[in-house]
Amino acid sequence: MLTEFNLFGVFMAPIVVYALAALPLTMCVRFVLWWSGLLGWFWHIALFEVSLYVCILCLLILYI
């Protein structure tokens, strides 16, 4: 169940917490893809990285 997050008396939407949690996960996946050489397969790397972040954010929202 999505509930508000209390940060020193300021209530924040749960999407903020999920968005912050998705950043390090995206960086780890991006590093693994760069290290293995798979990141070079993509035509527009910046667009792929944004879509990867959005996919990880959606997965966090759905399964946590």
N, C-alpha and C. Protein backbone atom coordinates (compact mmCIF):
# COMPACT_ATOMS: atom_id res chain seq x y z
N MET A 1 0.83 -1.17 0.00
CA MET A 1 0.00 0.00 0.00
C MET A 1 0.88 1.24 0.00
N LEU A 2 0.61 2.15 -0.90
CA LEU A 2 1.39 3.38 -0.97
C LEU A 2 0.89 4.36 0.08
N THR A 3 1.77 4.78 0.95
CA THR A 3 1.43 5.77 1.97
C THR A 3 2.41 6.93 1.87
N GLU A 4 2.04 8.04 2.48
CA GLU A 4 2.91 9.21 2.45
C GLU A 4 4.12 8.98 3.36
N PHE A 5 5.22 9.61 3.01
CA PHE A 5 6.48 9.49 3.74
C PHE A 5 6.69 10.78 4.53
N ASN A 6 6.91 10.65 5.82
CA ASN A 6 7.08 11.80 6.70
C ASN A 6 8.58 12.11 6.82
N LEU A 7 8.98 13.27 6.35
CA LEU A 7 10.37 13.71 6.44
C LEU A 7 10.42 14.99 7.25
N PHE A 8 10.67 14.86 8.55
CA PHE A 8 10.74 15.99 9.48
C PHE A 8 9.48 16.85 9.43
N GLY A 9 8.32 16.20 9.39
CA GLY A 9 7.07 16.91 9.41
C GLY A 9 6.52 17.29 8.05
N VAL A 10 7.28 17.03 7.00
CA VAL A 10 6.83 17.32 5.64
C VAL A 10 6.42 16.00 5.00
N PHE A 11 5.17 15.90 4.61
CA PHE A 11 4.70 14.68 3.98
C PHE A 11 5.05 14.70 2.50
N MET A 12 5.68 13.63 2.06
CA MET A 12 6.11 13.52 0.66
C MET A 12 5.41 12.34 0.02
N ALA A 13 5.17 12.46 -1.26
CA ALA A 13 4.53 11.39 -2.01
C ALA A 13 5.46 10.19 -2.10
N PRO A 14 4.93 8.99 -2.17
CA PRO A 14 5.78 7.80 -2.24
C PRO A 14 6.63 7.74 -3.52
N ILE A 15 6.21 8.44 -4.56
CA ILE A 15 6.98 8.43 -5.81
C ILE A 15 8.36 9.05 -5.60
N VAL A 16 8.47 9.98 -4.65
CA VAL A 16 9.77 10.62 -4.37
C VAL A 16 10.75 9.59 -3.81
N VAL A 17 10.27 8.78 -2.89
CA VAL A 17 11.13 7.76 -2.28
C VAL A 17 11.53 6.72 -3.33
N TYR A 18 10.57 6.30 -4.15
CA TYR A 18 10.87 5.33 -5.19
C TYR A 18 11.82 5.90 -6.24
N ALA A 19 11.66 7.17 -6.57
CA ALA A 19 12.53 7.80 -7.56
C ALA A 19 13.97 7.87 -7.05
N LEU A 20 14.12 8.17 -5.77
CA LEU A 20 15.47 8.21 -5.19
C LEU A 20 16.09 6.82 -5.07
N ALA A 21 15.26 5.81 -4.83
CA ALA A 21 15.77 4.44 -4.73
C ALA A 21 16.11 3.88 -6.11
N ALA A 22 15.46 4.38 -7.15
CA ALA A 22 15.72 3.88 -8.50
C ALA A 22 17.04 4.40 -9.07
N LEU A 23 17.53 5.52 -8.56
CA LEU A 23 18.77 6.08 -9.09
C LEU A 23 19.99 5.16 -8.91
N PRO A 24 20.29 4.68 -7.69
CA PRO A 24 21.46 3.80 -7.56
C PRO A 24 21.29 2.47 -8.30
N LEU A 25 20.06 1.97 -8.35
CA LEU A 25 19.83 0.72 -9.10
C LEU A 25 20.11 0.92 -10.59
N THR A 26 19.67 2.05 -11.12
CA THR A 26 19.93 2.36 -12.52
C THR A 26 21.42 2.51 -12.79
N MET A 27 22.11 3.16 -11.87
CA MET A 27 23.56 3.33 -12.04
C MET A 27 24.29 1.99 -12.03
N CYS A 28 23.85 1.08 -11.18
CA CYS A 28 24.48 -0.25 -11.13
C CYS A 28 24.24 -1.03 -12.42
N VAL A 29 22.99 -1.00 -12.90
CA VAL A 29 22.68 -1.70 -14.15
C VAL A 29 23.43 -1.07 -15.32
N ARG A 30 23.50 0.26 -15.32
CA ARG A 30 24.22 0.96 -16.39
C ARG A 30 25.71 0.61 -16.38
N PHE A 31 26.30 0.50 -15.18
CA PHE A 31 27.72 0.14 -15.08
C PHE A 31 27.96 -1.27 -15.60
N VAL A 32 27.07 -2.19 -15.25
CA VAL A 32 27.21 -3.58 -15.73
C VAL A 32 27.09 -3.63 -17.25
N LEU A 33 26.15 -2.88 -17.81
CA LEU A 33 26.00 -2.86 -19.26
C LEU A 33 27.21 -2.23 -19.94
N TRP A 34 27.77 -1.18 -19.34
CA TRP A 34 28.96 -0.54 -19.90
C TRP A 34 30.17 -1.48 -19.81
N TRP A 35 30.31 -2.14 -18.67
CA TRP A 35 31.44 -3.02 -18.45
C TRP A 35 31.41 -4.22 -19.39
N SER A 36 30.22 -4.74 -19.67
CA SER A 36 30.11 -5.90 -20.54
C SER A 36 30.13 -5.53 -22.02
N GLY A 37 30.02 -4.25 -22.34
CA GLY A 37 30.04 -3.82 -23.72
C GLY A 37 28.68 -3.81 -24.40
N LEU A 38 27.64 -4.12 -23.66
CA LEU A 38 26.30 -4.16 -24.25
C LEU A 38 25.72 -2.76 -24.47
N LEU A 39 26.24 -1.76 -23.80
CA LEU A 39 25.72 -0.41 -23.94
C LEU A 39 26.02 0.15 -25.32
N GLY A 40 27.03 -0.35 -25.98
CA GLY A 40 27.37 0.11 -27.32
C GLY A 40 26.41 -0.35 -28.40
N TRP A 41 25.54 -1.28 -28.09
CA TRP A 41 24.57 -1.78 -29.06
C TRP A 41 23.44 -0.81 -29.33
N PHE A 42 23.26 0.15 -28.42
CA PHE A 42 22.11 1.03 -28.52
C PHE A 42 22.46 2.26 -29.34
N TRP A 43 21.48 2.68 -30.13
CA TRP A 43 21.70 3.80 -31.04
C TRP A 43 21.77 5.12 -30.29
N HIS A 44 20.85 5.34 -29.37
CA HIS A 44 20.78 6.59 -28.62
C HIS A 44 20.93 6.24 -27.14
N ILE A 45 22.16 6.35 -26.64
CA ILE A 45 22.47 5.87 -25.29
C ILE A 45 21.72 6.67 -24.22
N ALA A 46 21.62 7.98 -24.39
CA ALA A 46 20.93 8.80 -23.39
C ALA A 46 19.44 8.42 -23.31
N LEU A 47 18.83 8.19 -24.46
CA LEU A 47 17.42 7.78 -24.47
C LEU A 47 17.26 6.41 -23.81
N PHE A 48 18.21 5.52 -24.04
CA PHE A 48 18.15 4.20 -23.39
C PHE A 48 18.30 4.32 -21.89
N GLU A 49 19.18 5.19 -21.41
CA GLU A 49 19.38 5.34 -19.98
C GLU A 49 18.14 5.92 -19.29
N VAL A 50 17.47 6.85 -19.94
CA VAL A 50 16.23 7.41 -19.37
C VAL A 50 15.15 6.33 -19.34
N SER A 51 15.04 5.56 -20.41
CA SER A 51 14.02 4.50 -20.43
C SER A 51 14.35 3.40 -19.43
N LEU A 52 15.63 3.12 -19.21
CA LEU A 52 16.03 2.15 -18.20
C LEU A 52 15.63 2.64 -16.81
N TYR A 53 15.84 3.93 -16.54
CA TYR A 53 15.45 4.51 -15.26
C TYR A 53 13.94 4.41 -15.05
N VAL A 54 13.18 4.72 -16.08
CA VAL A 54 11.72 4.68 -15.97
C VAL A 54 11.26 3.24 -15.75
N CYS A 55 11.88 2.28 -16.43
CA CYS A 55 11.50 0.87 -16.24
C CYS A 55 11.81 0.40 -14.82
N ILE A 56 12.96 0.77 -14.30
CA ILE A 56 13.30 0.38 -12.93
C ILE A 56 12.38 1.06 -11.93
N LEU A 57 12.04 2.32 -12.17
CA LEU A 57 11.12 3.04 -11.29
C LEU A 57 9.75 2.37 -11.31
N CYS A 58 9.26 1.99 -12.47
CA CYS A 58 7.96 1.31 -12.56
C CYS A 58 7.99 -0.04 -11.86
N LEU A 59 9.08 -0.78 -11.99
CA LEU A 59 9.19 -2.06 -11.31
C LEU A 59 9.20 -1.90 -9.79
N LEU A 60 9.86 -0.86 -9.31
CA LEU A 60 9.86 -0.59 -7.87
C LEU A 60 8.46 -0.26 -7.38
N ILE A 61 7.74 0.53 -8.14
CA ILE A 61 6.39 0.91 -7.73
C ILE A 61 5.47 -0.31 -7.75
N LEU A 62 5.62 -1.17 -8.73
CA LEU A 62 4.73 -2.33 -8.84
C LEU A 62 5.00 -3.40 -7.79
N TYR A 63 6.27 -3.65 -7.48
CA TYR A 63 6.61 -4.82 -6.68
C TYR A 63 7.03 -4.51 -5.25
N ILE A 64 7.14 -3.27 -4.87
CA ILE A 64 7.50 -2.95 -3.48
C ILE A 64 6.36 -2.22 -2.82
